[in-house]
Amino acid sequence: MTAVRELLTRRGDIELKFIRHRVSGTVHVVVPDDPDKQGEVFRIGEVPADAQLAMASGQTPTLCGYLAYKSMDGTRRSSDEMVSEFDDAHLCARCWRALGPEHQARAFEYHQPSTMLRSGT
C-alpha cells in the first residue's frame, strides 16, 4: 500500500483536492497533506531535494507524478487551476489508479457542474 493510500485509510476525513492542467484541461488529484504531521519542523537537509524544489517553485505534486504549477503572482493564464467541480471524463486516469480500489470512488465525491445537470430528469 502506498503512503497516500495508507493516509486515506487512516484519515477518512481528508477531502481530495483537484487541479486542472492549464493546457490539456485534465484534472489531477493533488497529493494530500497529512494533517497529523502539519506543524512539524524539518531541517532543510531532512526535506528531499525534489520537495524543496517543488516548494520553492510553487509546484503542487499530484498522484500521477505531474507537478502542477500555481502562479505565485496571481496571474492565471500561465498556471494550473484548483477546481472543485469538473466533468468526470476530465479526471486523470493515472491519478485515479494511484488511489487504489479502496479509495477510487473518492475521486468522484465532489459537486458536479450545474451545466452537467439535465432539467426535468
PDB file of N, CA and C in Angstrom:
ATOM      1  N   MET A   1       0.861  -1.182   0.000  1.00  0.00           N
ATOM      2  CA  MET A   1       0.000   0.000   0.000  1.00  0.00           C
ATOM      3  C   MET A   1       0.901   1.238   0.000  1.00  0.00           C
ATOM      4  N   THR A   2       0.544   2.200  -0.823  1.00  0.00           N
ATOM      5  CA  THR A   2       1.356   3.412  -0.889  1.00  0.00           C
ATOM      6  C   THR A   2       1.085   4.305   0.313  1.00  0.00           C
ATOM      7  N   ALA A   3       1.955   5.281   0.505  1.00  0.00           N
ATOM      8  CA  ALA A   3       1.801   6.210   1.633  1.00  0.00           C
ATOM      9  C   ALA A   3       0.481   6.975   1.534  1.00  0.00           C
ATOM     10  N   VAL A   4       0.082   7.350   0.318  1.00  0.00           N
ATOM     11  CA  VAL A   4      -1.181   8.085   0.150  1.00  0.00           C
ATOM     12  C   VAL A   4      -2.364   7.201   0.519  1.00  0.00           C
ATOM     13  N   ARG A   5      -2.338   5.960   0.071  1.00  0.00           N
ATOM     14  CA  ARG A   5      -3.434   5.048   0.414  1.00  0.00           C
ATOM     15  C   ARG A   5      -3.489   4.813   1.916  1.00  0.00           C
ATOM     16  N   GLU A   6      -2.330   4.659   2.542  1.00  0.00           N
ATOM     17  CA  GLU A   6      -2.295   4.481   3.996  1.00  0.00           C
ATOM     18  C   GLU A   6      -2.868   5.696   4.706  1.00  0.00           C
ATOM     19  N   LEU A   7      -2.512   6.888   4.222  1.00  0.00           N
ATOM     20  CA  LEU A   7      -3.024   8.123   4.810  1.00  0.00           C
ATOM     21  C   LEU A   7      -4.537   8.187   4.673  1.00  0.00           C
ATOM     22  N   LEU A   8      -5.061   7.894   3.484  1.00  0.00           N
ATOM     23  CA  LEU A   8      -6.507   7.971   3.257  1.00  0.00           C
ATOM     24  C   LEU A   8      -7.256   6.912   4.063  1.00  0.00           C
ATOM     25  N   THR A   9      -6.622   5.771   4.296  1.00  0.00           N
ATOM     26  CA  THR A   9      -7.237   4.731   5.128  1.00  0.00           C
ATOM     27  C   THR A   9      -7.254   5.167   6.591  1.00  0.00           C
ATOM     28  N   ARG A  10      -6.147   5.733   7.036  1.00  0.00           N
ATOM     29  CA  ARG A  10      -6.023   6.168   8.435  1.00  0.00           C
ATOM     30  C   ARG A  10      -6.892   7.391   8.720  1.00  0.00           C
ATOM     31  N   ARG A  11      -6.977   8.294   7.758  1.00  0.00           N
ATOM     32  CA  ARG A  11      -7.722   9.548   7.948  1.00  0.00           C
ATOM     33  C   ARG A  11      -8.817   9.666   6.895  1.00  0.00           C
ATOM     34  N   GLY A  12      -9.943   9.057   7.162  1.00  0.00           N
ATOM     35  CA  GLY A  12     -11.068   9.084   6.231  1.00  0.00           C
ATOM     36  C   GLY A  12     -11.698  10.459   6.072  1.00  0.00           C
ATOM     37  N   ASP A  13     -11.303  11.417   6.919  1.00  0.00           N
ATOM     38  CA  ASP A  13     -11.882  12.756   6.862  1.00  0.00           C
ATOM     39  C   ASP A  13     -11.165  13.673   5.863  1.00  0.00           C
ATOM     40  N   ILE A  14     -10.107  13.203   5.240  1.00  0.00           N
ATOM     41  CA  ILE A  14      -9.365  14.043   4.293  1.00  0.00           C
ATOM     42  C   ILE A  14     -10.143  14.154   2.993  1.00  0.00           C
ATOM     43  N   GLU A  15     -10.391  15.385   2.577  1.00  0.00           N
ATOM     44  CA  GLU A  15     -11.054  15.625   1.305  1.00  0.00           C
ATOM     45  C   GLU A  15      -9.990  15.779   0.228  1.00  0.00           C
ATOM     46  N   LEU A  16     -10.219  15.111  -0.897  1.00  0.00           N
ATOM     47  CA  LEU A  16      -9.278  15.230  -2.005  1.00  0.00           C
ATOM     48  C   LEU A  16      -9.406  16.610  -2.638  1.00  0.00           C
ATOM     49  N   LYS A  17      -8.289  17.110  -3.151  1.00  0.00           N
ATOM     50  CA  LYS A  17      -8.258  18.383  -3.865  1.00  0.00           C
ATOM     51  C   LYS A  17      -7.848  18.091  -5.298  1.00  0.00           C
ATOM     52  N   PHE A  18      -8.344  18.922  -6.205  1.00  0.00           N
ATOM     53  CA  PHE A  18      -8.136  18.705  -7.626  1.00  0.00           C
ATOM     54  C   PHE A  18      -7.562  19.952  -8.280  1.00  0.00           C
ATOM     55  N   ILE A  19      -6.735  19.735  -9.300  1.00  0.00           N
ATOM     56  CA  ILE A  19      -6.142  20.850 -10.028  1.00  0.00           C
ATOM     57  C   ILE A  19      -6.218  20.549 -11.527  1.00  0.00           C
ATOM     58  N   ARG A  20      -6.686  21.551 -12.310  1.00  0.00           N
ATOM     59  CA  ARG A  20      -6.866  21.392 -13.754  1.00  0.00           C
ATOM     60  C   ARG A  20      -5.632  21.894 -14.494  1.00  0.00           C
ATOM     61  N   HIS A  21      -5.120  21.060 -15.406  1.00  0.00           N
ATOM     62  CA  HIS A  21      -3.964  21.436 -16.223  1.00  0.00           C
ATOM     63  C   HIS A  21      -4.331  22.610 -17.120  1.00  0.00           C
ATOM     64  N   ARG A  22      -3.454  23.591 -17.170  1.00  0.00           N
ATOM     65  CA  ARG A  22      -3.721  24.848 -17.873  1.00  0.00           C
ATOM     66  C   ARG A  22      -3.911  24.687 -19.377  1.00  0.00           C
ATOM     67  N   VAL A  23      -3.372  23.637 -19.986  1.00  0.00           N
ATOM     68  CA  VAL A  23      -3.489  23.468 -21.438  1.00  0.00           C
ATOM     69  C   VAL A  23      -4.442  22.337 -21.800  1.00  0.00           C
ATOM     70  N   SER A  24      -4.207  21.149 -21.235  1.00  0.00           N
ATOM     71  CA  SER A  24      -4.994  19.972 -21.634  1.00  0.00           C
ATOM     72  C   SER A  24      -6.383  19.930 -21.007  1.00  0.00           C
ATOM     73  N   GLY A  25      -6.556  20.567 -19.853  1.00  0.00           N
ATOM     74  CA  GLY A  25      -7.835  20.508 -19.145  1.00  0.00           C
ATOM     75  C   GLY A  25      -7.990  19.269 -18.280  1.00  0.00           C
ATOM     76  N   THR A  26      -6.982  18.400 -18.290  1.00  0.00           N
ATOM     77  CA  THR A  26      -7.018  17.200 -17.443  1.00  0.00           C
ATOM     78  C   THR A  26      -7.021  17.622 -15.979  1.00  0.00           C
ATOM     79  N   VAL A  27      -7.864  16.961 -15.193  1.00  0.00           N
ATOM     80  CA  VAL A  27      -7.966  17.264 -13.769  1.00  0.00           C
ATOM     81  C   VAL A  27      -7.194  16.194 -12.986  1.00  0.00           C
ATOM     82  N   HIS A  28      -6.221  16.650 -12.211  1.00  0.00           N
ATOM     83  CA  HIS A  28      -5.358  15.770 -11.437  1.00  0.00           C
ATOM     84  C   HIS A  28      -5.744  15.826  -9.960  1.00  0.00           C
ATOM     85  N   VAL A  29      -5.438  14.742  -9.228  1.00  0.00           N
ATOM     86  CA  VAL A  29      -5.664  14.682  -7.787  1.00  0.00           C
ATOM     87  C   VAL A  29      -4.381  15.145  -7.098  1.00  0.00           C
ATOM     88  N   VAL A  30      -4.503  16.162  -6.259  1.00  0.00           N
ATOM     89  CA  VAL A  30      -3.362  16.703  -5.521  1.00  0.00           C
ATOM     90  C   VAL A  30      -2.978  15.733  -4.413  1.00  0.00           C
ATOM     91  N   VAL A  31      -1.684  15.528  -4.232  1.00  0.00           N
ATOM     92  CA  VAL A  31      -1.210  14.675  -3.138  1.00  0.00           C
ATOM     93  C   VAL A  31      -1.652  15.318  -1.818  1.00  0.00           C
ATOM     94  N   PRO A  32      -2.438  14.596  -1.016  1.00  0.00           N
ATOM     95  CA  PRO A  32      -2.941  15.201   0.227  1.00  0.00           C
ATOM     96  C   PRO A  32      -1.846  15.349   1.282  1.00  0.00           C
ATOM     97  N   ASP A  33      -1.986  16.397   2.075  1.00  0.00           N
ATOM     98  CA  ASP A  33      -1.092  16.597   3.214  1.00  0.00           C
ATOM     99  C   ASP A  33      -1.603  15.757   4.381  1.00  0.00           C
ATOM    100  N   ASP A  34      -0.699  15.297   5.197  1.00  0.00           N
ATOM    101  CA  ASP A  34      -1.065  14.549   6.394  1.00  0.00           C
ATOM    102  C   ASP A  34      -1.324  15.549   7.516  1.00  0.00           C
ATOM    103  N   PRO A  35      -2.594  15.713   7.940  1.00  0.00           N
ATOM    104  CA  PRO A  35      -2.892  16.691   8.990  1.00  0.00           C
ATOM    105  C   PRO A  35      -2.203  16.378  10.304  1.00  0.00           C
ATOM    106  N   ASP A  36      -1.828  15.116  10.528  1.00  0.00           N
ATOM    107  CA  ASP A  36      -1.143  14.749  11.763  1.00  0.00           C
ATOM    108  C   ASP A  36       0.309  15.214  11.768  1.00  0.00           C
ATOM    109  N   LYS A  37       0.833  15.549  10.603  1.00  0.00           N
ATOM    110  CA  LYS A  37       2.228  15.976  10.514  1.00  0.00           C
ATOM    111  C   LYS A  37       2.365  17.469  10.254  1.00  0.00           C
ATOM    112  N   GLN A  38       1.254  18.191  10.119  1.00  0.00           N
ATOM    113  CA  GLN A  38       1.339  19.638   9.935  1.00  0.00           C
ATOM    114  C   GLN A  38       1.895  20.254  11.198  1.00  0.00           C
ATOM    115  N   GLY A  39       2.732  21.221  11.019  1.00  0.00           N
ATOM    116  CA  GLY A  39       3.339  21.879  12.148  1.00  0.00           C
ATOM    117  C   GLY A  39       4.667  21.276  12.541  1.00  0.00           C
ATOM    118  N   GLU A  40       5.014  20.117  11.946  1.00  0.00           N
ATOM    119  CA  GLU A  40       6.332  19.550  12.214  1.00  0.00           C
ATOM    120  C   GLU A  40       7.380  20.425  11.555  1.00  0.00           C
ATOM    121  N   VAL A  41       8.455  20.622  12.225  1.00  0.00           N
ATOM    122  CA  VAL A  41       9.537  21.440  11.687  1.00  0.00           C
ATOM    123  C   VAL A  41      10.639  20.510  11.201  1.00  0.00           C
ATOM    124  N   PHE A  42      11.056  20.728   9.960  1.00  0.00           N
ATOM    125  CA  PHE A  42      12.126  19.934   9.377  1.00  0.00           C
ATOM    126  C   PHE A  42      13.327  20.822   9.116  1.00  0.00           C
ATOM    127  N   ARG A  43      14.487  20.266   9.317  1.00  0.00           N
ATOM    128  CA  ARG A  43      15.696  20.960   8.891  1.00  0.00           C
ATOM    129  C   ARG A  43      15.793  20.802   7.391  1.00  0.00           C
ATOM    130  N   ILE A  44      16.377  21.782   6.714  1.00  0.00           N
ATOM    131  CA  ILE A  44      16.421  21.769   5.252  1.00  0.00           C
ATOM    132  C   ILE A  44      17.041  20.482   4.719  1.00  0.00           C
ATOM    133  N   GLY A  45      17.993  19.888   5.418  1.00  0.00           N
ATOM    134  CA  GLY A  45      18.610  18.653   4.974  1.00  0.00           C
ATOM    135  C   GLY A  45      17.707  17.439   5.083  1.00  0.00           C
ATOM    136  N   GLU A  46      16.613  17.550   5.866  1.00  0.00           N
ATOM    137  CA  GLU A  46      15.691  16.430   6.054  1.00  0.00           C
ATOM    138  C   GLU A  46      14.603  16.395   4.992  1.00  0.00           C
ATOM    139  N   VAL A  47      14.449  17.497   4.268  1.00  0.00           N
ATOM    140  CA  VAL A  47      13.425  17.576   3.229  1.00  0.00           C
ATOM    141  C   VAL A  47      14.067  17.135   1.918  1.00  0.00           C
ATOM    142  N   PRO A  48      13.464  16.150   1.221  1.00  0.00           N
ATOM    143  CA  PRO A  48      14.053  15.692  -0.037  1.00  0.00           C
ATOM    144  C   PRO A  48      14.227  16.841  -1.030  1.00  0.00           C
ATOM    145  N   ALA A  49      15.256  16.739  -1.852  1.00  0.00           N
ATOM    146  CA  ALA A  49      15.589  17.807  -2.798  1.00  0.00           C
ATOM    147  C   ALA A  49      14.432  18.113  -3.743  1.00  0.00           C
ATOM    148  N   ASP A  50      13.716  17.079  -4.215  1.00  0.00           N
ATOM    149  CA  ASP A  50      12.611  17.342  -5.136  1.00  0.00           C
ATOM    150  C   ASP A  50      11.480  18.085  -4.439  1.00  0.00           C
ATOM    151  N   ALA A  51      11.253  17.814  -3.161  1.00  0.00           N
ATOM    152  CA  ALA A  51      10.227  18.534  -2.404  1.00  0.00           C
ATOM    153  C   ALA A  51      10.638  19.986  -2.187  1.00  0.00           C
ATOM    154  N   GLN A  52      11.940  20.217  -1.931  1.00  0.00           N
ATOM    155  CA  GLN A  52      12.435  21.584  -1.777  1.00  0.00           C
ATOM    156  C   GLN A  52      12.226  22.377  -3.067  1.00  0.00           C
ATOM    157  N   LEU A  53      12.540  21.761  -4.198  1.00  0.00           N
ATOM    158  CA  LEU A  53      12.373  22.423  -5.488  1.00  0.00           C
ATOM    159  C   LEU A  53      10.912  22.742  -5.750  1.00  0.00           C
ATOM    160  N   ALA A  54      10.030  21.778  -5.470  1.00  0.00           N
ATOM    161  CA  ALA A  54       8.603  21.989  -5.685  1.00  0.00           C
ATOM    162  C   ALA A  54       8.085  23.140  -4.828  1.00  0.00           C
ATOM    163  N   MET A  55       8.505  23.184  -3.558  1.00  0.00           N
ATOM    164  CA  MET A  55       8.050  24.264  -2.666  1.00  0.00           C
ATOM    165  C   MET A  55       8.569  25.611  -3.145  1.00  0.00           C
ATOM    166  N   ALA A  56       9.819  25.662  -3.555  1.00  0.00           N
ATOM    167  CA  ALA A  56      10.427  26.923  -3.968  1.00  0.00           C
ATOM    168  C   ALA A  56       9.838  27.450  -5.270  1.00  0.00           C
ATOM    169  N   SER A  57       9.404  26.555  -6.149  1.00  0.00           N
ATOM    170  CA  SER A  57       8.908  26.989  -7.460  1.00  0.00           C
ATOM    171  C   SER A  57       7.394  27.082  -7.527  1.00  0.00           C
ATOM    172  N   GLY A  58       6.716  26.814  -6.433  1.00  0.00           N
ATOM    173  CA  GLY A  58       5.254  26.920  -6.413  1.00  0.00           C
ATOM    174  C   GLY A  58       4.566  25.730  -7.058  1.00  0.00           C
ATOM    175  N   GLN A  59       5.246  24.601  -7.161  1.00  0.00           N
ATOM    176  CA  GLN A  59       4.648  23.429  -7.775  1.00  0.00           C
ATOM    177  C   GLN A  59       3.849  22.632  -6.756  1.00  0.00           C
ATOM    178  N   THR A  60       2.811  21.974  -7.270  1.00  0.00           N
ATOM    179  CA  THR A  60       1.947  21.142  -6.445  1.00  0.00           C
ATOM    180  C   THR A  60       2.005  19.722  -6.979  1.00  0.00           C
ATOM    181  N   PRO A  61       2.480  18.761  -6.184  1.00  0.00           N
ATOM    182  CA  PRO A  61       2.560  17.381  -6.680  1.00  0.00           C
ATOM    183  C   PRO A  61       1.185  16.735  -6.767  1.00  0.00           C
ATOM    184  N   THR A  62       1.003  15.907  -7.801  1.00  0.00           N
ATOM    185  CA  THR A  62      -0.245  15.171  -7.975  1.00  0.00           C
ATOM    186  C   THR A  62       0.048  13.683  -7.882  1.00  0.00           C
ATOM    187  N   LEU A  63      -0.998  12.881  -7.744  1.00  0.00           N
ATOM    188  CA  LEU A  63      -0.818  11.441  -7.536  1.00  0.00           C
ATOM    189  C   LEU A  63      -0.142  10.732  -8.701  1.00  0.00           C
ATOM    190  N   CYS A  64      -0.311  11.249  -9.916  1.00  0.00           N
ATOM    191  CA  CYS A  64       0.289  10.589 -11.078  1.00  0.00           C
ATOM    192  C   CYS A  64       1.740  10.998 -11.285  1.00  0.00           C
ATOM    193  N   GLY A  65       2.208  11.971 -10.529  1.00  0.00           N
ATOM    194  CA  GLY A  65       3.578  12.434 -10.664  1.00  0.00           C
ATOM    195  C   GLY A  65       3.711  13.774 -11.356  1.00  0.00           C
ATOM    196  N   TYR A  66       2.621  14.284 -11.939  1.00  0.00           N
ATOM    197  CA  TYR A  66       2.661  15.599 -12.570  1.00  0.00           C
ATOM    198  C   TYR A  66       2.858  16.658 -11.485  1.00  0.00           C
ATOM    199  N   LEU A  67       3.720  17.616 -11.743  1.00  0.00           N
ATOM    200  CA  LEU A  67       3.909  18.729 -10.809  1.00  0.00           C
ATOM    201  C   LEU A  67       3.149  19.928 -11.354  1.00  0.00           C
ATOM    202  N   ALA A  68       2.001  20.188 -10.766  1.00  0.00           N
ATOM    203  CA  ALA A  68       1.162  21.302 -11.204  1.00  0.00           C
ATOM    204  C   ALA A  68       1.816  22.613 -10.798  1.00  0.00           C
ATOM    205  N   TYR A  69       1.608  23.633 -11.596  1.00  0.00           N
ATOM    206  CA  TYR A  69       2.196  24.938 -11.341  1.00  0.00           C
ATOM    207  C   TYR A  69       1.104  25.933 -10.985  1.00  0.00           C
ATOM    208  N   LYS A  70       1.238  26.530  -9.813  1.00  0.00           N
ATOM    209  CA  LYS A  70       0.317  27.596  -9.404  1.00  0.00           C
ATOM    210  C   LYS A  70       1.130  28.881  -9.379  1.00  0.00           C
ATOM    211  N   SER A  71       0.676  29.855 -10.127  1.00  0.00           N
ATOM    212  CA  SER A  71       1.388  31.124 -10.205  1.00  0.00           C
ATOM    213  C   SER A  71       1.433  31.792  -8.849  1.00  0.00           C
ATOM    214  N   MET A  72       2.625  32.223  -8.458  1.00  0.00           N
ATOM    215  CA  MET A  72       2.785  32.880  -7.157  1.00  0.00           C
ATOM    216  C   MET A  72       2.361  34.349  -7.207  1.00  0.00           C
ATOM    217  N   ASP A  73       2.301  34.922  -8.414  1.00  0.00           N
ATOM    218  CA  ASP A  73       1.949  36.336  -8.512  1.00  0.00           C
ATOM    219  C   ASP A  73       0.471  36.561  -8.815  1.00  0.00           C
ATOM    220  N   GLY A  74      -0.303  35.466  -8.868  1.00  0.00           N
ATOM    221  CA  GLY A  74      -1.741  35.606  -9.045  1.00  0.00           C
ATOM    222  C   GLY A  74      -2.208  35.593 -10.481  1.00  0.00           C
ATOM    223  N   THR A  75      -1.315  35.580 -11.451  1.00  0.00           N
ATOM    224  CA  THR A  75      -1.754  35.519 -12.838  1.00  0.00           C
ATOM    225  C   THR A  75      -2.258  34.121 -13.115  1.00  0.00           C
ATOM    226  N   ARG A  76      -3.336  34.007 -13.854  1.00  0.00           N
ATOM    227  CA  ARG A  76      -3.964  32.712 -14.057  1.00  0.00           C
ATOM    228  C   ARG A  76      -3.638  32.103 -15.415  1.00  0.00           C
ATOM    229  N   ARG A  77      -3.256  32.884 -16.381  1.00  0.00           N
ATOM    230  CA  ARG A  77      -3.104  32.328 -17.716  1.00  0.00           C
ATOM    231  C   ARG A  77      -1.938  31.354 -17.829  1.00  0.00           C
ATOM    232  N   SER A  78      -0.961  31.464 -16.970  1.00  0.00           N
ATOM    233  CA  SER A  78       0.188  30.574 -17.063  1.00  0.00           C
ATOM    234  C   SER A  78       0.219  29.526 -15.961  1.00  0.00           C
ATOM    235  N   SER A  79      -0.824  29.420 -15.175  1.00  0.00           N
ATOM    236  CA  SER A  79      -0.794  28.461 -14.072  1.00  0.00           C
ATOM    237  C   SER A  79      -1.963  27.495 -14.160  1.00  0.00           C
ATOM    238  N   ASP A  80      -1.792  26.345 -13.497  1.00  0.00           N
ATOM    239  CA  ASP A  80      -2.874  25.382 -13.376  1.00  0.00           C
ATOM    240  C   ASP A  80      -3.860  25.922 -12.350  1.00  0.00           C
ATOM    241  N   GLU A  81      -5.093  25.420 -12.381  1.00  0.00           N
ATOM    242  CA  GLU A  81      -6.146  25.993 -11.552  1.00  0.00           C
ATOM    243  C   GLU A  81      -6.767  24.953 -10.624  1.00  0.00           C
ATOM    244  N   MET A  82      -6.826  25.277  -9.340  1.00  0.00           N
ATOM    245  CA  MET A  82      -7.526  24.423  -8.387  1.00  0.00           C
ATOM    246  C   MET A  82      -9.009  24.461  -8.734  1.00  0.00           C
ATOM    247  N   VAL A  83      -9.658  23.312  -8.736  1.00  0.00           N
ATOM    248  CA  VAL A  83     -11.073  23.235  -9.090  1.00  0.00           C
ATOM    249  C   VAL A  83     -11.817  22.387  -8.066  1.00  0.00           C
ATOM    250  N   SER A  84     -13.096  22.670  -7.913  1.00  0.00           N
ATOM    251  CA  SER A  84     -13.931  21.855  -7.041  1.00  0.00           C
ATOM    252  C   SER A  84     -15.035  21.171  -7.837  1.00  0.00           C
ATOM    253  N   GLU A  85     -15.210  21.571  -9.094  1.00  0.00           N
ATOM    254  CA  GLU A  85     -16.200  20.966  -9.982  1.00  0.00           C
ATOM    255  C   GLU A  85     -15.538  20.673 -11.319  1.00  0.00           C
ATOM    256  N   PHE A  86     -15.857  19.510 -11.893  1.00  0.00           N
ATOM    257  CA  PHE A  86     -15.351  19.179 -13.213  1.00  0.00           C
ATOM    258  C   PHE A  86     -16.116  17.988 -13.758  1.00  0.00           C
ATOM    259  N   ASP A  87     -16.026  17.795 -15.053  1.00  0.00           N
ATOM    260  CA  ASP A  87     -16.650  16.660 -15.721  1.00  0.00           C
ATOM    261  C   ASP A  87     -15.814  15.411 -15.408  1.00  0.00           C
ATOM    262  N   ASP A  88     -16.461  14.322 -15.035  1.00  0.00           N
ATOM    263  CA  ASP A  88     -15.753  13.079 -14.701  1.00  0.00           C
ATOM    264  C   ASP A  88     -14.770  12.656 -15.781  1.00  0.00           C
ATOM    265  N   ALA A  89     -15.104  12.896 -17.031  1.00  0.00           N
ATOM    266  CA  ALA A  89     -14.260  12.471 -18.153  1.00  0.00           C
ATOM    267  C   ALA A  89     -12.900  13.160 -18.140  1.00  0.00           C
ATOM    268  N   HIS A  90     -12.767  14.273 -17.435  1.00  0.00           N
ATOM    269  CA  HIS A  90     -11.509  15.014 -17.397  1.00  0.00           C
ATOM    270  C   HIS A  90     -10.552  14.536 -16.302  1.00  0.00           C
ATOM    271  N   LEU A  91     -11.004  13.625 -15.432  1.00  0.00           N
ATOM    272  CA  LEU A  91     -10.154  13.135 -14.352  1.00  0.00           C
ATOM    273  C   LEU A  91      -8.997  12.322 -14.923  1.00  0.00           C
ATOM    274  N   CYS A  92      -7.801  12.576 -14.450  1.00  0.00           N
ATOM    275  CA  CYS A  92      -6.599  11.849 -14.871  1.00  0.00           C
ATOM    276  C   CYS A  92      -6.713  10.383 -14.449  1.00  0.00           C
ATOM    277  N   ALA A  93      -6.618   9.489 -15.425  1.00  0.00           N
ATOM    278  CA  ALA A  93      -6.746   8.056 -15.140  1.00  0.00           C
ATOM    279  C   ALA A  93      -5.599   7.553 -14.267  1.00  0.00           C
ATOM    280  N   ARG A  94      -4.412   8.093 -14.439  1.00  0.00           N
ATOM    281  CA  ARG A  94      -3.267   7.661 -13.625  1.00  0.00           C
ATOM    282  C   ARG A  94      -3.457   8.077 -12.175  1.00  0.00           C
ATOM    283  N   CYS A  95      -3.987   9.279 -11.931  1.00  0.00           N
ATOM    284  CA  CYS A  95      -4.273   9.708 -10.555  1.00  0.00           C
ATOM    285  C   CYS A  95      -5.324   8.796  -9.942  1.00  0.00           C
ATOM    286  N   TRP A  96      -6.361   8.485 -10.718  1.00  0.00           N
ATOM    287  CA  TRP A  96      -7.443   7.635 -10.232  1.00  0.00           C
ATOM    288  C   TRP A  96      -6.906   6.257  -9.851  1.00  0.00           C
ATOM    289  N   ARG A  97      -6.069   5.660 -10.712  1.00  0.00           N
ATOM    290  CA  ARG A  97      -5.490   4.343 -10.414  1.00  0.00           C
ATOM    291  C   ARG A  97      -4.587   4.389  -9.179  1.00  0.00           C
ATOM    292  N   ALA A  98      -3.884   5.506  -8.997  1.00  0.00           N
ATOM    293  CA  ALA A  98      -2.972   5.633  -7.851  1.00  0.00           C
ATOM    294  C   ALA A  98      -3.719   5.597  -6.515  1.00  0.00           C
ATOM    295  N   LEU A  99      -4.995   5.936  -6.531  1.00  0.00           N
ATOM    296  CA  LEU A  99      -5.789   5.900  -5.300  1.00  0.00           C
ATOM    297  C   LEU A  99      -6.028   4.462  -4.823  1.00  0.00           C
ATOM    298  N   GLY A 100      -5.960   3.516  -5.734  1.00  0.00           N
ATOM    299  CA  GLY A 100      -6.215   2.121  -5.384  1.00  0.00           C
ATOM    300  C   GLY A 100      -7.702   1.851  -5.284  1.00  0.00           C
ATOM    301  N   PRO A 101      -8.084   0.593  -5.425  1.00  0.00           N
ATOM    302  CA  PRO A 101      -9.511   0.248  -5.456  1.00  0.00           C
ATOM    303  C   PRO A 101     -10.284   0.689  -4.219  1.00  0.00           C
ATOM    304  N   GLU A 102      -9.610   0.726  -3.076  1.00  0.00           N
ATOM    305  CA  GLU A 102     -10.319   1.079  -1.838  1.00  0.00           C
ATOM    306  C   GLU A 102     -10.649   2.572  -1.739  1.00  0.00           C
ATOM    307  N   HIS A 103     -10.029   3.414  -2.556  1.00  0.00           N
ATOM    308  CA  HIS A 103     -10.272   4.859  -2.457  1.00  0.00           C
ATOM    309  C   HIS A 103     -10.663   5.515  -3.779  1.00  0.00           C
ATOM    310  N   GLN A 104     -10.773   4.753  -4.851  1.00  0.00           N
ATOM    311  CA  GLN A 104     -11.057   5.341  -6.163  1.00  0.00           C
ATOM    312  C   GLN A 104     -12.390   6.069  -6.216  1.00  0.00           C
ATOM    313  N   ALA A 105     -13.392   5.589  -5.499  1.00  0.00           N
ATOM    314  CA  ALA A 105     -14.699   6.256  -5.506  1.00  0.00           C
ATOM    315  C   ALA A 105     -14.601   7.677  -4.964  1.00  0.00           C
ATOM    316  N   ARG A 106     -13.619   7.924  -4.093  1.00  0.00           N
ATOM    317  CA  ARG A 106     -13.464   9.263  -3.504  1.00  0.00           C
ATOM    318  C   ARG A 106     -13.113  10.316  -4.547  1.00  0.00           C
ATOM    319  N   ALA A 107     -12.549   9.890  -5.666  1.00  0.00           N
ATOM    320  CA  ALA A 107     -12.192  10.842  -6.719  1.00  0.00           C
ATOM    321  C   ALA A 107     -13.434  11.434  -7.379  1.00  0.00           C
ATOM    322  N   PHE A 108     -14.587  10.853  -7.126  1.00  0.00           N
ATOM    323  CA  PHE A 108     -15.830  11.344  -7.721  1.00  0.00           C
ATOM    324  C   PHE A 108     -16.746  11.975  -6.677  1.00  0.00           C
ATOM    325  N   GLU A 109     -16.226  12.217  -5.484  1.00  0.00           N
ATOM    326  CA  GLU A 109     -17.012  12.843  -4.416  1.00  0.00           C
ATOM    327  C   GLU A 109     -16.779  14.343  -4.426  1.00  0.00           C
ATOM    328  N   TYR A 110     -17.413  15.007  -5.347  1.00  0.00           N
ATOM    329  CA  TYR A 110     -17.312  16.458  -5.479  1.00  0.00           C
ATOM    330  C   TYR A 110     -18.597  16.946  -6.120  1.00  0.00           C
ATOM    331  N   HIS A 111     -18.814  18.247  -6.111  1.00  0.00           N
ATOM    332  CA  HIS A 111     -20.008  18.816  -6.727  1.00  0.00           C
ATOM    333  C   HIS A 111     -19.892  18.708  -8.233  1.00  0.00           C
ATOM    334  N   GLN A 112     -20.953  18.216  -8.855  1.00  0.00           N
ATOM    335  CA  GLN A 112     -20.981  18.158 -10.310  1.00  0.00           C
ATOM    336  C   GLN A 112     -21.307  19.539 -10.850  1.00  0.00           C
ATOM    337  N   PRO A 113     -20.690  19.941 -11.952  1.00  0.00           N
ATOM    338  CA  PRO A 113     -21.011  21.261 -12.519  1.00  0.00           C
ATOM    339  C   PRO A 113     -22.486  21.340 -12.867  1.00  0.00           C
ATOM    340  N   SER A 114     -23.080  22.475 -12.603  1.00  0.00           N
ATOM    341  CA  SER A 114     -24.505  22.648 -12.875  1.00  0.00           C
ATOM    342  C   SER A 114     -24.803  22.506 -14.363  1.00  0.00           C
ATOM    343  N   THR A 115     -23.836  22.782 -15.223  1.00  0.00           N
ATOM    344  CA  THR A 115     -24.052  22.636 -16.659  1.00  0.00           C
ATOM    345  C   THR A 115     -24.181  21.172 -17.057  1.00  0.00           C
ATOM    346  N   MET A 116     -23.782  20.247 -16.188  1.00  0.00           N
ATOM    347  CA  MET A 116     -23.858  18.828 -16.484  1.00  0.00           C
ATOM    348  C   MET A 116     -25.237  18.262 -16.145  1.00  0.00           C
ATOM    349  N   LEU A 117     -26.012  18.998 -15.343  1.00  0.00           N
ATOM    350  CA  LEU A 117     -27.325  18.508 -14.924  1.00  0.00           C
ATOM    351  C   LEU A 117     -28.354  18.762 -16.014  1.00  0.00           C
ATOM    352  N   ARG A 118     -29.211  17.772 -16.248  1.00  0.00           N
ATOM    353  CA  ARG A 118     -30.283  17.930 -17.229  1.00  0.00           C
ATOM    354  C   ARG A 118     -31.540  18.362 -16.497  1.00  0.00           C
ATOM    355  N   SER A 119     -32.254  19.272 -17.086  1.00  0.00           N
ATOM    356  CA  SER A 119     -33.514  19.687 -16.439  1.00  0.00           C
ATOM    357  C   SER A 119     -34.590  18.671 -16.745  1.00  0.00           C
ATOM    358  N   GLY A 120     -35.441  18.417 -15.773  1.00  0.00           N
ATOM    359  CA  GLY A 120     -36.576  17.542 -15.955  1.00  0.00           C
ATOM    360  C   GLY A 120     -36.250  16.065 -15.818  1.00  0.00           C
ATOM    361  N   THR A 121     -35.017  15.732 -15.420  1.00  0.00           N
ATOM    362  CA  THR A 121     -34.712  14.307 -15.250  1.00  0.00           C
ATOM    363  C   THR A 121     -34.307  14.039 -13.823  1.00  0.00           C
TER     364      THR A 121
END
